[in-house]
Amino acid sequence: MNIGDRIKHRRKQLDINADDLAIAAGVSRATIFRYENGDIEKMPAVTLEKIAKKLRTSPAYLMGWTESNEMEENESVQTIAAHIDEDVTEEEMEEILDYIKYRKQRRKKK
């Protein structure tokens, strides 16, 4: 599977239409389809990150560097921590990770 296939597969899996993905990524609907069809091979990193975020996955998955389409827990913690204005301690990082695990368990029960 190439990057376009992974984008399309994940978009369909989450029932996200191309228009919504395009808005989230800051590109046109046609550009999304061109990515999915392989017409555009080089994607700006910032666009890749926005697409991955909307598709609730990692840029590494979309690039084919990992097989898991779910964000790794460590990636989630780092992403969250990056948005906190102050330095995050190891203990706080662990608390964030514990909360993520808790939320995933609750989601599975629904």
N, C-alpha and C. Protein backbone atom coordinates (compact mmCIF):
# COMPACT_ATOMS: atom_id res chain seq x y z
N MET A 1 0.84 -1.18 0.00
CA MET A 1 0.00 0.00 0.00
C MET A 1 0.89 1.25 0.00
N ASN A 2 0.57 2.22 -0.85
CA ASN A 2 1.32 3.48 -0.87
C ASN A 2 0.60 4.53 -0.03
N ILE A 3 1.18 5.71 0.04
CA ILE A 3 0.61 6.76 0.90
C ILE A 3 -0.83 7.12 0.48
N GLY A 4 -1.06 7.19 -0.81
CA GLY A 4 -2.41 7.51 -1.29
C GLY A 4 -3.42 6.45 -0.89
N ASP A 5 -3.02 5.18 -1.02
CA ASP A 5 -3.90 4.07 -0.62
C ASP A 5 -4.21 4.14 0.87
N ARG A 6 -3.19 4.46 1.67
CA ARG A 6 -3.38 4.53 3.12
C ARG A 6 -4.31 5.69 3.50
N ILE A 7 -4.15 6.83 2.83
CA ILE A 7 -5.03 7.96 3.10
C ILE A 7 -6.47 7.59 2.76
N LYS A 8 -6.66 7.05 1.58
CA LYS A 8 -8.01 6.70 1.14
C LYS A 8 -8.62 5.63 2.04
N HIS A 9 -7.85 4.60 2.35
CA HIS A 9 -8.35 3.52 3.20
C HIS A 9 -8.78 4.04 4.56
N ARG A 10 -7.92 4.86 5.17
CA ARG A 10 -8.23 5.39 6.51
C ARG A 10 -9.41 6.36 6.45
N ARG A 11 -9.48 7.16 5.40
CA ARG A 11 -10.59 8.10 5.25
C ARG A 11 -11.92 7.36 5.14
N LYS A 12 -11.93 6.30 4.36
CA LYS A 12 -13.15 5.49 4.21
C LYS A 12 -13.47 4.75 5.52
N GLN A 13 -12.44 4.25 6.18
CA GLN A 13 -12.61 3.54 7.44
C GLN A 13 -13.30 4.42 8.48
N LEU A 14 -12.94 5.71 8.50
CA LEU A 14 -13.50 6.64 9.47
C LEU A 14 -14.73 7.38 8.93
N ASP A 15 -15.12 7.07 7.69
CA ASP A 15 -16.26 7.71 7.03
C ASP A 15 -16.10 9.24 6.99
N ILE A 16 -14.93 9.67 6.54
CA ILE A 16 -14.63 11.09 6.38
C ILE A 16 -14.64 11.37 4.88
N ASN A 17 -15.40 12.38 4.48
CA ASN A 17 -15.42 12.67 3.05
C ASN A 17 -14.22 13.53 2.65
N ALA A 18 -13.96 13.55 1.37
CA ALA A 18 -12.78 14.26 0.85
C ALA A 18 -12.84 15.76 1.13
N ASP A 19 -14.04 16.31 1.14
CA ASP A 19 -14.18 17.74 1.42
C ASP A 19 -13.73 18.08 2.83
N ASP A 20 -14.16 17.27 3.80
CA ASP A 20 -13.77 17.52 5.19
C ASP A 20 -12.26 17.34 5.39
N LEU A 21 -11.70 16.34 4.75
CA LEU A 21 -10.26 16.12 4.85
C LEU A 21 -9.50 17.28 4.21
N ALA A 22 -9.99 17.76 3.08
CA ALA A 22 -9.35 18.88 2.39
C ALA A 22 -9.36 20.14 3.26
N ILE A 23 -10.48 20.41 3.91
CA ILE A 23 -10.58 21.58 4.78
C ILE A 23 -9.58 21.46 5.92
N ALA A 24 -9.53 20.28 6.55
CA ALA A 24 -8.61 20.07 7.67
C ALA A 24 -7.15 20.22 7.24
N ALA A 25 -6.85 19.79 6.02
CA ALA A 25 -5.48 19.82 5.53
C ALA A 25 -5.10 21.16 4.90
N GLY A 26 -6.10 21.99 4.63
CA GLY A 26 -5.81 23.27 3.99
C GLY A 26 -5.48 23.16 2.52
N VAL A 27 -6.06 22.14 1.87
CA VAL A 27 -5.84 21.94 0.43
C VAL A 27 -7.21 21.77 -0.23
N SER A 28 -7.21 21.67 -1.54
CA SER A 28 -8.48 21.49 -2.25
C SER A 28 -8.90 20.01 -2.25
N ARG A 29 -10.17 19.81 -2.52
CA ARG A 29 -10.71 18.44 -2.63
C ARG A 29 -9.97 17.69 -3.75
N ALA A 30 -9.72 18.38 -4.84
CA ALA A 30 -9.01 17.76 -5.96
C ALA A 30 -7.61 17.31 -5.54
N THR A 31 -6.96 18.09 -4.68
CA THR A 31 -5.62 17.72 -4.22
C THR A 31 -5.68 16.44 -3.40
N ILE A 32 -6.71 16.31 -2.57
CA ILE A 32 -6.87 15.08 -1.77
C ILE A 32 -6.98 13.89 -2.73
N PHE A 33 -7.82 14.01 -3.75
CA PHE A 33 -7.98 12.91 -4.70
C PHE A 33 -6.68 12.64 -5.46
N ARG A 34 -5.93 13.69 -5.75
CA ARG A 34 -4.64 13.50 -6.44
C ARG A 34 -3.64 12.78 -5.54
N TYR A 35 -3.66 13.09 -4.24
CA TYR A 35 -2.81 12.35 -3.29
C TYR A 35 -3.23 10.87 -3.28
N GLU A 36 -4.53 10.65 -3.17
CA GLU A 36 -5.04 9.27 -3.08
C GLU A 36 -4.75 8.46 -4.34
N ASN A 37 -4.81 9.10 -5.48
CA ASN A 37 -4.57 8.41 -6.75
C ASN A 37 -3.10 8.31 -7.13
N GLY A 38 -2.24 8.94 -6.35
CA GLY A 38 -0.81 8.88 -6.62
C GLY A 38 -0.34 9.87 -7.66
N ASP A 39 -1.21 10.82 -8.05
CA ASP A 39 -0.83 11.82 -9.04
C ASP A 39 0.17 12.82 -8.46
N ILE A 40 0.11 13.04 -7.15
CA ILE A 40 1.07 13.91 -6.47
C ILE A 40 1.86 13.00 -5.52
N GLU A 41 3.14 12.89 -5.75
CA GLU A 41 3.96 11.98 -4.94
C GLU A 41 4.60 12.68 -3.74
N LYS A 42 4.91 13.95 -3.86
CA LYS A 42 5.58 14.67 -2.78
C LYS A 42 4.57 15.57 -2.07
N MET A 43 4.38 15.28 -0.80
CA MET A 43 3.44 16.04 0.00
C MET A 43 4.22 16.85 1.04
N PRO A 44 3.89 18.13 1.21
CA PRO A 44 4.56 18.90 2.25
C PRO A 44 4.33 18.27 3.63
N ALA A 45 5.35 18.31 4.48
CA ALA A 45 5.26 17.69 5.81
C ALA A 45 4.10 18.26 6.61
N VAL A 46 3.87 19.56 6.51
CA VAL A 46 2.79 20.17 7.28
C VAL A 46 1.43 19.63 6.82
N THR A 47 1.27 19.39 5.54
CA THR A 47 0.03 18.82 5.02
C THR A 47 -0.12 17.37 5.48
N LEU A 48 0.96 16.62 5.44
CA LEU A 48 0.94 15.24 5.91
C LEU A 48 0.50 15.17 7.37
N GLU A 49 1.02 16.07 8.19
CA GLU A 49 0.66 16.09 9.61
C GLU A 49 -0.81 16.42 9.80
N LYS A 50 -1.32 17.37 9.05
CA LYS A 50 -2.74 17.75 9.16
C LYS A 50 -3.65 16.61 8.72
N ILE A 51 -3.27 15.93 7.64
CA ILE A 51 -4.06 14.80 7.16
C ILE A 51 -4.05 13.68 8.20
N ALA A 52 -2.87 13.38 8.72
CA ALA A 52 -2.76 12.33 9.74
C ALA A 52 -3.61 12.67 10.96
N LYS A 53 -3.58 13.92 11.38
CA LYS A 53 -4.36 14.33 12.55
C LYS A 53 -5.85 14.12 12.30
N LYS A 54 -6.35 14.55 11.15
CA LYS A 54 -7.78 14.40 10.82
C LYS A 54 -8.15 12.92 10.73
N LEU A 55 -7.21 12.10 10.24
CA LEU A 55 -7.48 10.67 10.08
C LEU A 55 -7.16 9.88 11.36
N ARG A 56 -6.84 10.60 12.42
CA ARG A 56 -6.53 9.99 13.73
C ARG A 56 -5.50 8.87 13.60
N THR A 57 -4.43 9.21 12.92
CA THR A 57 -3.33 8.27 12.74
C THR A 57 -2.03 9.06 12.77
N SER A 58 -0.94 8.41 12.45
CA SER A 58 0.35 9.08 12.48
C SER A 58 0.89 9.29 11.06
N PRO A 59 1.72 10.30 10.88
CA PRO A 59 2.38 10.45 9.59
C PRO A 59 3.19 9.20 9.24
N ALA A 60 3.75 8.53 10.25
CA ALA A 60 4.54 7.31 10.01
C ALA A 60 3.69 6.22 9.36
N TYR A 61 2.44 6.09 9.79
CA TYR A 61 1.56 5.10 9.17
C TYR A 61 1.28 5.48 7.72
N LEU A 62 0.94 6.74 7.50
CA LEU A 62 0.62 7.17 6.13
C LEU A 62 1.80 6.99 5.19
N MET A 63 3.01 7.19 5.71
CA MET A 63 4.21 7.03 4.90
C MET A 63 4.59 5.56 4.69
N GLY A 64 3.98 4.67 5.45
CA GLY A 64 4.30 3.25 5.32
C GLY A 64 5.45 2.80 6.20
N TRP A 65 5.83 3.63 7.17
CA TRP A 65 6.95 3.29 8.05
C TRP A 65 6.50 2.40 9.20
N THR A 66 5.21 2.32 9.45
CA THR A 66 4.66 1.45 10.48
C THR A 66 3.36 0.87 9.95
N GLU A 67 3.02 -0.29 10.42
CA GLU A 67 1.79 -0.95 9.96
C GLU A 67 0.57 -0.57 10.78
N SER A 68 0.79 -0.03 11.96
CA SER A 68 -0.32 0.33 12.83
C SER A 68 -0.93 1.64 12.38
N ASN A 69 -2.25 1.64 12.13
CA ASN A 69 -2.89 2.88 11.73
C ASN A 69 -3.35 3.71 12.92
N GLU A 70 -3.16 3.18 14.11
CA GLU A 70 -3.47 3.94 15.32
C GLU A 70 -2.21 4.68 15.76
N MET A 71 -2.38 5.84 16.33
CA MET A 71 -1.23 6.56 16.85
C MET A 71 -0.64 5.77 18.00
N GLU A 72 0.65 5.63 18.00
CA GLU A 72 1.31 4.98 19.12
C GLU A 72 1.08 5.81 20.36
N GLU A 73 0.95 5.15 21.51
CA GLU A 73 0.67 5.87 22.74
C GLU A 73 1.73 6.93 23.01
N ASN A 74 3.00 6.62 22.75
CA ASN A 74 4.06 7.58 22.98
C ASN A 74 3.91 8.79 22.08
N GLU A 75 3.48 8.57 20.82
CA GLU A 75 3.26 9.69 19.91
C GLU A 75 2.14 10.57 20.43
N SER A 76 1.08 9.95 20.97
CA SER A 76 -0.04 10.72 21.51
C SER A 76 0.42 11.59 22.67
N VAL A 77 1.19 11.01 23.57
CA VAL A 77 1.68 11.75 24.73
C VAL A 77 2.55 12.91 24.27
N GLN A 78 3.45 12.67 23.33
CA GLN A 78 4.33 13.73 22.85
C GLN A 78 3.54 14.83 22.16
N THR A 79 2.53 14.45 21.41
CA THR A 79 1.70 15.45 20.74
C THR A 79 0.97 16.31 21.75
N ILE A 80 0.38 15.67 22.75
CA ILE A 80 -0.33 16.42 23.78
C ILE A 80 0.64 17.32 24.55
N ALA A 81 1.76 16.76 24.96
CA ALA A 81 2.75 17.50 25.74
C ALA A 81 3.27 18.70 24.96
N ALA A 82 3.38 18.58 23.65
CA ALA A 82 3.88 19.68 22.83
C ALA A 82 2.95 20.89 22.85
N HIS A 83 1.69 20.66 23.19
CA HIS A 83 0.72 21.75 23.21
C HIS A 83 0.57 22.39 24.59
N ILE A 84 1.30 21.90 25.56
CA ILE A 84 1.26 22.48 26.90
C ILE A 84 2.34 23.55 26.98
N ASP A 85 1.98 24.70 27.51
CA ASP A 85 2.91 25.84 27.53
C ASP A 85 4.13 25.62 28.40
N GLU A 86 4.00 24.83 29.44
CA GLU A 86 5.11 24.64 30.36
C GLU A 86 5.76 23.27 30.15
N ASP A 87 6.92 23.08 30.74
CA ASP A 87 7.60 21.79 30.64
C ASP A 87 6.78 20.71 31.34
N VAL A 88 6.78 19.54 30.76
CA VAL A 88 6.03 18.42 31.32
C VAL A 88 7.02 17.45 31.95
N THR A 89 6.77 17.08 33.20
CA THR A 89 7.65 16.15 33.89
C THR A 89 7.35 14.73 33.44
N GLU A 90 8.25 13.80 33.77
CA GLU A 90 8.03 12.39 33.47
C GLU A 90 6.75 11.89 34.14
N GLU A 91 6.53 12.33 35.37
CA GLU A 91 5.34 11.91 36.11
C GLU A 91 4.06 12.39 35.41
N GLU A 92 4.09 13.61 34.92
CA GLU A 92 2.93 14.14 34.20
C GLU A 92 2.72 13.40 32.88
N MET A 93 3.81 13.06 32.22
CA MET A 93 3.72 12.28 30.98
C MET A 93 3.05 10.93 31.25
N GLU A 94 3.43 10.30 32.35
CA GLU A 94 2.83 9.02 32.73
C GLU A 94 1.34 9.18 33.00
N GLU A 95 0.96 10.27 33.66
CA GLU A 95 -0.45 10.53 33.93
C GLU A 95 -1.23 10.70 32.63
N ILE A 96 -0.64 11.40 31.69
CA ILE A 96 -1.27 11.59 30.38
C ILE A 96 -1.45 10.24 29.70
N LEU A 97 -0.42 9.42 29.72
CA LEU A 97 -0.48 8.09 29.11
C LEU A 97 -1.54 7.23 29.78
N ASP A 98 -1.63 7.28 31.10
CA ASP A 98 -2.65 6.52 31.83
C ASP A 98 -4.05 6.96 31.42
N TYR A 99 -4.23 8.27 31.25
CA TYR A 99 -5.54 8.78 30.85
C TYR A 99 -5.89 8.31 29.44
N ILE A 100 -4.93 8.31 28.55
CA ILE A 100 -5.18 7.84 27.18
C ILE A 100 -5.61 6.37 27.21
N LYS A 101 -4.92 5.56 27.99
CA LYS A 101 -5.29 4.14 28.11
C LYS A 101 -6.72 4.00 28.65
N TYR A 102 -7.04 4.80 29.67
CA TYR A 102 -8.37 4.78 30.26
C TYR A 102 -9.43 5.12 29.21
N ARG A 103 -9.20 6.17 28.42
CA ARG A 103 -10.18 6.58 27.41
C ARG A 103 -10.34 5.52 26.34
N LYS A 104 -9.24 4.86 25.97
CA LYS A 104 -9.33 3.80 24.95
C LYS A 104 -10.17 2.63 25.46
N GLN A 105 -9.99 2.28 26.73
CA GLN A 105 -10.78 1.19 27.33
C GLN A 105 -12.26 1.55 27.35
N ARG A 106 -12.58 2.78 27.70
CA ARG A 106 -13.98 3.21 27.74
C ARG A 106 -14.59 3.19 26.35
N ARG A 107 -13.80 3.57 25.34
CA ARG A 107 -14.29 3.58 23.96
C ARG A 107 -14.63 2.16 23.51
N LYS A 108 -13.82 1.19 23.90
CA LYS A 108 -14.05 -0.20 23.51
C LYS A 108 -15.32 -0.77 24.13
N LYS A 109 -15.69 -0.27 25.31
CA LYS A 109 -16.86 -0.78 26.02
C LYS A 109 -18.17 -0.29 25.42
N LYS A 110 -18.13 0.80 24.65
CA LYS A 110 -19.35 1.38 24.07
C LYS A 110 -19.86 0.59 22.90
